[in-house]
Protein backbone atom coordinates (compact mmCIF):
# COMPACT_ATOMS: atom_id res chain seq x y z
CA MET A 1 0.37 -0.13 -0.26
CA LYS A 2 2.90 2.65 0.67
CA ASN A 3 4.47 1.63 -2.31
CA LEU A 4 1.50 2.31 -4.13
CA ALA A 5 0.82 5.61 -2.64
CA ARG A 6 4.56 6.76 -3.30
CA GLN A 7 3.86 6.19 -6.90
CA LEU A 8 0.98 7.97 -7.15
CA VAL A 9 2.48 10.98 -5.92
CA GLY A 10 5.05 10.50 -7.91
CA LEU A 11 2.74 10.05 -11.08
CA LEU A 12 1.32 13.54 -9.84
CA LEU A 13 4.85 15.31 -9.18
CA ALA A 14 5.45 14.07 -12.79
CA THR A 15 2.23 15.46 -13.76
CA LEU A 16 2.02 18.72 -12.56
CA GLY A 17 6.41 19.34 -12.85
CA PRO A 18 5.77 20.58 -16.55
CA LEU A 19 2.53 22.46 -16.00
CA SER A 20 4.63 25.31 -13.72
CA LEU A 21 7.26 25.79 -16.13
CA ALA A 22 4.14 26.50 -18.88
CA ALA A 23 3.02 29.80 -19.60
CA GLN A 24 0.38 30.53 -17.15
CA PRO A 25 -2.12 33.39 -18.06
CA ALA A 26 -2.33 36.53 -16.07
CA PRO A 27 -4.28 36.43 -12.16
CA ILE A 28 -7.52 38.17 -12.86
CA GLN A 29 -7.72 40.78 -10.61
CA VAL A 30 -10.42 40.94 -7.94
CA MET A 31 -10.58 43.77 -5.04
CA THR A 32 -13.29 42.76 -2.51
CA LEU A 33 -15.10 45.92 -0.67
CA GLY A 34 -16.32 44.65 2.39
CA THR A 35 -19.63 46.70 3.91
CA PHE A 36 -21.97 46.99 6.42
CA HIS A 37 -25.25 46.30 5.37
CA PHE A 38 -26.77 49.39 4.40
CA ALA A 39 -30.77 48.42 5.04
CA TYR A 40 -29.66 47.17 8.06
CA PRO A 41 -31.76 44.07 8.58
CA ASN A 42 -30.33 42.90 11.44
CA LEU A 43 -30.14 38.99 9.79
CA ASP A 44 -26.90 38.36 11.00
CA GLN A 45 -25.02 37.24 14.14
CA HIS A 46 -24.35 41.14 15.40
CA GLN A 47 -27.73 43.26 15.67
CA ILE A 48 -27.69 46.89 15.58
CA ASP A 49 -29.33 49.44 17.55
CA ARG A 50 -31.64 51.32 15.85
CA ALA A 51 -30.16 54.31 17.24
CA ASP A 52 -26.69 53.84 15.88
CA GLN A 53 -28.37 52.82 12.48
CA VAL A 54 -28.12 55.70 9.78
CA ASP A 55 -29.68 56.81 6.58
CA VAL A 56 -28.12 56.37 3.45
CA LEU A 57 -30.74 58.14 1.52
CA ALA A 58 -29.75 61.27 3.20
CA PRO A 59 -27.51 63.76 1.08
CA ARG A 60 -25.14 63.77 3.26
CA HIS A 61 -24.21 60.32 2.79
CA GLN A 62 -25.45 60.13 -0.76
CA ALA A 63 -22.47 62.74 -1.25
CA GLU A 64 -19.72 59.98 0.29
CA LEU A 65 -21.68 57.40 -2.07
CA ALA A 66 -21.09 59.63 -5.16
CA ARG A 67 -16.97 60.11 -4.19
CA LEU A 68 -16.91 56.43 -3.09
CA THR A 69 -18.20 55.67 -6.79
CA ASP A 70 -15.95 57.86 -8.53
CA ALA A 71 -12.55 56.65 -6.50
CA LEU A 72 -14.01 52.55 -6.95
CA ALA A 73 -14.80 53.38 -11.42
CA ARG A 74 -10.61 54.62 -11.31
CA PHE A 75 -10.41 50.58 -10.92
CA ARG A 76 -11.75 49.90 -13.82
CA PRO A 77 -13.71 47.00 -12.87
CA THR A 78 -15.14 44.93 -16.24
CA HIS A 79 -17.81 43.12 -13.37
CA VAL A 80 -19.43 44.07 -10.41
CA LEU A 81 -20.29 41.55 -7.85
CA ILE A 82 -22.68 41.54 -5.17
CA GLU A 83 -23.96 40.25 -1.85
CA ALA A 84 -27.14 38.19 -3.96
CA GLU A 85 -27.85 34.41 -5.16
CA PRO A 86 -27.63 33.60 -8.59
CA ALA A 87 -31.18 32.03 -8.53
CA ARG A 88 -32.26 36.17 -8.19
CA GLN A 89 -30.01 37.35 -10.88
CA PRO A 90 -33.35 37.70 -13.34
CA ARG A 91 -34.42 40.09 -10.45
CA TYR A 92 -31.58 41.98 -9.84
CA ASP A 93 -31.14 42.49 -14.22
CA SER A 94 -34.77 44.01 -13.98
CA LEU A 95 -34.04 46.64 -11.17
CA TYR A 96 -30.92 47.60 -12.92
CA ARG A 97 -32.10 48.15 -16.60
CA ALA A 98 -35.25 49.80 -14.74
CA TYR A 99 -32.63 52.33 -12.60
CA VAL A 100 -30.70 52.72 -16.13
CA ALA A 101 -33.71 53.59 -17.22
CA GLY A 102 -34.56 55.89 -15.00
CA ARG A 103 -37.65 53.94 -13.71
CA HIS A 104 -36.14 52.72 -10.54
CA ALA A 105 -35.05 54.93 -7.77
CA LEU A 106 -32.24 53.61 -5.76
CA ARG A 107 -32.84 51.42 -1.94
CA ARG A 108 -31.47 51.85 1.23
CA ASP A 109 -29.00 48.81 0.23
CA GLU A 110 -25.22 47.93 -0.79
CA ARG A 111 -26.25 46.41 -4.01
CA GLU A 112 -27.92 49.27 -5.47
CA GLN A 113 -26.23 51.90 -4.10
CA LEU A 114 -22.97 50.88 -5.03
CA GLY A 115 -23.48 48.58 -7.42
CA PHE A 116 -26.07 49.84 -9.59
CA ARG A 117 -24.61 52.72 -9.49
CA LEU A 118 -20.91 51.70 -10.45
CA ALA A 119 -22.35 49.03 -12.88
CA ARG A 120 -24.19 52.41 -14.68
CA GLN A 121 -21.28 55.07 -14.14
CA LEU A 122 -19.26 52.22 -16.12
CA GLY A 123 -21.32 51.46 -18.82
CA LEU A 124 -22.13 47.70 -17.18
CA PRO A 125 -24.74 45.13 -18.70
CA ARG A 126 -25.04 44.25 -15.36
CA VAL A 127 -24.19 43.40 -11.78
CA TRP A 128 -23.46 39.74 -10.80
CA GLY A 129 -25.03 38.26 -7.52
CA VAL A 130 -22.99 34.99 -6.37
CA ASP A 131 -24.02 35.31 -2.66
CA ALA A 132 -24.75 31.49 -1.48
CA GLU A 133 -26.17 29.83 1.55
CA GLY A 134 -23.62 27.21 3.88
CA ARG A 135 -24.76 23.41 3.63
CA TYR A 136 -25.18 21.50 7.24
CA TYR A 137 -24.40 18.36 7.73
CA PRO A 138 -27.08 15.09 8.29
CA GLU A 139 -25.99 14.94 11.77
CA LEU A 140 -26.70 18.61 12.12
CA LEU A 141 -29.89 18.37 10.38
CA GLN A 142 -30.79 15.82 13.16
CA LEU A 143 -29.59 17.76 16.09
CA PHE A 144 -32.05 20.63 14.63
CA ASN A 145 -34.76 18.99 14.28
CA ASP A 146 -34.80 17.64 18.10
CA THR A 147 -36.02 20.44 20.49
CA ALA A 148 -33.92 18.95 23.65
CA ARG A 149 -30.61 18.76 21.42
CA VAL A 150 -31.09 21.92 20.30
CA ARG A 151 -31.59 23.82 23.88
CA ARG A 152 -28.83 22.04 25.05
CA PHE A 153 -26.61 23.80 22.46
CA GLU A 154 -28.27 27.13 22.96
CA ARG A 155 -27.81 26.96 26.53
CA PHE A 156 -23.84 25.97 25.84
CA LEU A 157 -23.76 28.87 23.40
CA GLU A 158 -25.04 31.35 26.13
CA HIS A 159 -22.67 30.43 28.75
CA ASN A 160 -19.80 28.90 27.36
CA PRO A 161 -16.54 29.22 28.46
CA ASP A 162 -15.48 31.64 25.92
CA SER A 163 -17.53 34.32 27.00
CA ALA A 164 -15.54 36.72 27.94
CA LEU A 165 -13.98 36.43 24.66
CA GLU A 166 -17.21 36.69 22.87
CA ARG A 167 -17.85 40.24 24.59
CA ARG A 168 -14.49 41.86 23.63
CA TYR A 169 -15.66 41.43 19.51
CA LYS A 170 -19.32 42.11 20.50
CA ALA A 171 -17.75 45.44 21.95
CA LEU A 172 -15.67 45.78 18.90
CA TYR A 173 -18.64 45.76 16.70
CA ALA A 174 -20.60 47.99 18.94
CA ALA A 175 -17.72 50.46 18.46
CA GLU A 176 -17.97 49.80 14.62
CA ASP A 177 -21.42 50.13 14.47
CA LEU A 178 -21.01 53.93 15.88
CA LEU A 179 -18.70 54.78 13.13
CA PRO A 180 -21.07 55.41 10.11
CA ALA A 181 -23.11 57.86 11.93
CA ARG A 182 -19.82 60.01 14.31
CA ALA A 183 -17.86 59.76 11.18
CA GLY A 184 -19.48 59.18 7.84
CA LEU A 185 -19.74 56.25 5.19
CA VAL A 186 -16.71 56.42 3.87
CA ALA A 187 -14.83 56.33 7.23
CA ALA A 188 -16.87 53.13 8.49
CA LEU A 189 -16.15 51.08 5.68
CA THR A 190 -12.27 52.09 5.80
CA LYS A 191 -12.38 50.58 9.08
CA LEU A 192 -13.92 47.65 7.89
CA ASN A 193 -11.45 46.63 5.33
CA GLU A 194 -8.34 46.88 7.66
CA PRO A 195 -6.70 43.61 6.85
CA ALA A 196 -6.22 43.14 10.57
CA ASN A 197 -9.49 44.34 11.46
CA LEU A 198 -10.66 41.36 8.85
CA LEU A 199 -8.68 38.78 10.08
CA HIS A 200 -9.23 39.63 13.72
CA LYS A 201 -12.94 39.03 13.51
CA GLN A 202 -12.82 35.95 12.32
CA GLY A 203 -11.57 34.43 15.51
CA ALA A 204 -15.00 35.03 16.46
CA TYR A 205 -16.40 31.61 14.68
CA LEU A 206 -13.63 29.85 16.35
CA VAL A 207 -14.38 30.43 20.01
CA GLY A 208 -17.45 29.57 21.71
CA GLY A 209 -19.87 27.48 19.89
CA PHE A 210 -16.89 26.45 17.67
CA LYS A 211 -16.31 24.35 21.04
CA TYR A 212 -19.58 23.18 21.72
CA GLU A 213 -19.40 18.53 21.74
CA GLU A 214 -22.25 17.09 22.44
CA THR A 215 -20.37 13.54 23.59
CA PRO A 216 -17.38 14.13 23.91
CA GLN A 217 -14.64 14.52 21.19
CA SER A 218 -17.28 14.95 19.12
CA ASN A 219 -16.95 18.17 17.02
CA THR A 220 -20.49 19.13 17.21
CA GLY A 221 -19.49 23.07 16.73
CA VAL A 222 -16.67 22.66 14.36
CA ASP A 223 -19.31 20.92 11.74
CA PHE A 224 -21.72 23.50 12.63
CA GLU A 225 -19.76 26.40 11.65
CA THR A 226 -17.78 24.49 8.72
CA SER A 227 -21.66 24.36 7.72
CA ARG A 228 -22.77 27.42 7.96
CA TRP A 229 -19.87 29.96 7.41
CA TYR A 230 -17.07 28.27 5.83
CA SER A 231 -18.94 26.24 3.18
CA ARG A 232 -20.83 29.06 2.72
CA ASN A 233 -17.90 31.76 1.99
CA LEU A 234 -16.45 28.52 -0.18
CA ARG A 235 -19.45 28.33 -2.19
CA ILE A 236 -19.61 31.95 -2.75
CA LEU A 237 -15.81 31.91 -4.46
CA ARG A 238 -17.09 28.73 -6.84
CA ASN A 239 -20.01 31.40 -8.11
CA VAL A 240 -17.40 33.57 -8.74
CA GLN A 241 -15.07 31.02 -10.76
CA ARG A 242 -18.49 30.22 -12.57
CA LEU A 243 -18.68 33.81 -13.95
CA PRO A 244 -18.11 34.82 -17.78
CA ILE A 245 -14.52 36.27 -16.46
CA ARG A 246 -11.50 35.92 -18.46
CA PRO A 247 -7.78 36.80 -17.73
CA GLY A 248 -7.70 40.78 -18.06
CA ASP A 249 -11.03 41.25 -16.41
CA ARG A 250 -11.16 43.20 -13.16
CA VAL A 251 -13.50 42.28 -10.74
CA LEU A 252 -15.07 44.50 -8.02
CA LEU A 253 -16.84 41.80 -5.43
CA ILE A 254 -19.14 44.06 -2.79
CA ILE A 255 -20.13 42.21 -0.11
CA GLY A 256 -20.38 42.10 3.72
CA ALA A 257 -17.23 42.52 5.72
CA GLY A 258 -17.68 39.21 7.32
CA HIS A 259 -17.43 37.50 4.00
CA ALA A 260 -14.57 39.66 3.05
CA GLY A 261 -12.30 38.60 5.49
CA LEU A 262 -12.02 34.79 4.64
CA LEU A 263 -12.83 35.41 0.64
CA ASN A 264 -9.51 38.05 0.70
CA TYR A 265 -7.80 34.90 2.05
CA PHE A 266 -9.10 32.41 -0.48
CA LEU A 267 -8.38 34.57 -3.19
CA GLN A 268 -4.56 35.19 -2.28
CA CYS A 269 -4.52 31.42 -2.67
CA SER A 270 -5.88 30.92 -5.70
CA PRO A 271 -3.98 30.80 -8.92
CA GLU A 272 -6.41 31.98 -10.94
CA TYR A 273 -6.57 35.67 -8.68
CA GLN A 274 -4.62 38.44 -7.83
CA LEU A 275 -6.22 40.30 -4.66
CA VAL A 276 -6.20 43.83 -4.93
CA ASP A 277 -6.28 46.54 -2.21
CA VAL A 278 -9.26 48.54 -1.67
CA ARG A 279 -7.66 51.31 0.62
CA PRO A 280 -6.34 53.27 -1.74
CA TYR A 281 -9.71 54.08 -3.79
CA LEU A 282 -11.29 54.82 0.16
CA GLN A 283 -8.64 56.82 1.07
CA GLN A 284 -9.17 58.64 -2.14
CA ALA A 285 -13.40 58.68 -1.71
CA ALA A 286 -12.29 60.48 1.83
CA THR A 287 -10.68 63.22 0.27
CA GLU A 288 -12.27 64.28 -3.36
CA THR A 289 -15.02 65.60 -4.81
CA PRO A 290 -17.65 63.22 -6.40
CA ILE A 291 -17.59 63.89 -10.47
CA GLN A 292 -21.14 65.13 -10.34
CA SER A 293 -20.52 67.38 -7.28
CA ARG A 294 -17.76 69.23 -8.76
CA PRO A 295 -18.68 73.32 -10.87
CA ARG A 296 -18.77 73.03 -14.47
CA LYS A 297 -16.20 75.26 -16.44
CA ARG A 298 -17.81 77.73 -18.02
CA SER A 299 -17.02 77.88 -22.25
């Protein structure tokens, strides 16, 4: 058996060796913009009090979004991707066409306020939905259908040994919630997209419920996070791979900042893509006047 394994490894290396020397196409540039959800649906693990929410339709924030759109346009994306499931693509195609034709007003939604606005400014035919849901293991589905087992899991989540760590994460999220109202949208997005911040917050998925063991030495919590979080983000990446994107194209992915933390890592690992830093574009948005607000020169 060992000899067979060595032979298979040798065959694999022999196959991959010549491929590594062959000319490879230029990687596709992908820039992620991690956002908070402008409409505040409060469907995520962290909830935001109404008093801390901002209205992105207010003139102050509309001016910020115009600056941000101008800055992102300098990346010259050929594809704008949003946090919407591919099954809803016809719906977003219809809304986007109506917006371009002047028959749809942008709603309180980053997919429209940023995705639609930027795509129209660049003359793109559509925005692309790439969101996905995770897939739970059968063993977890059985747990969810058993009231007693679910209650034990819930009690662990409420009184787990990492409660102090979880309070620190909640404090971090609470401080970020205040940024849009206190410092503006661009400042809030700049904070959300700091690489160290994106990486640090992934730790929230590795404590608390992650450690739940329904029976000793089981991996109940590990499977739970794998199913709902890691599976979901890998499926988002797979949806990106399915799009008609070719070498030389430039992709902007607008998605919840929690997803960006993992997706940036996946993109950095991938031989197909080159991750582009969004921060220089956010810095431009913080200092410049939007094109549509600049005074026109008199002829």
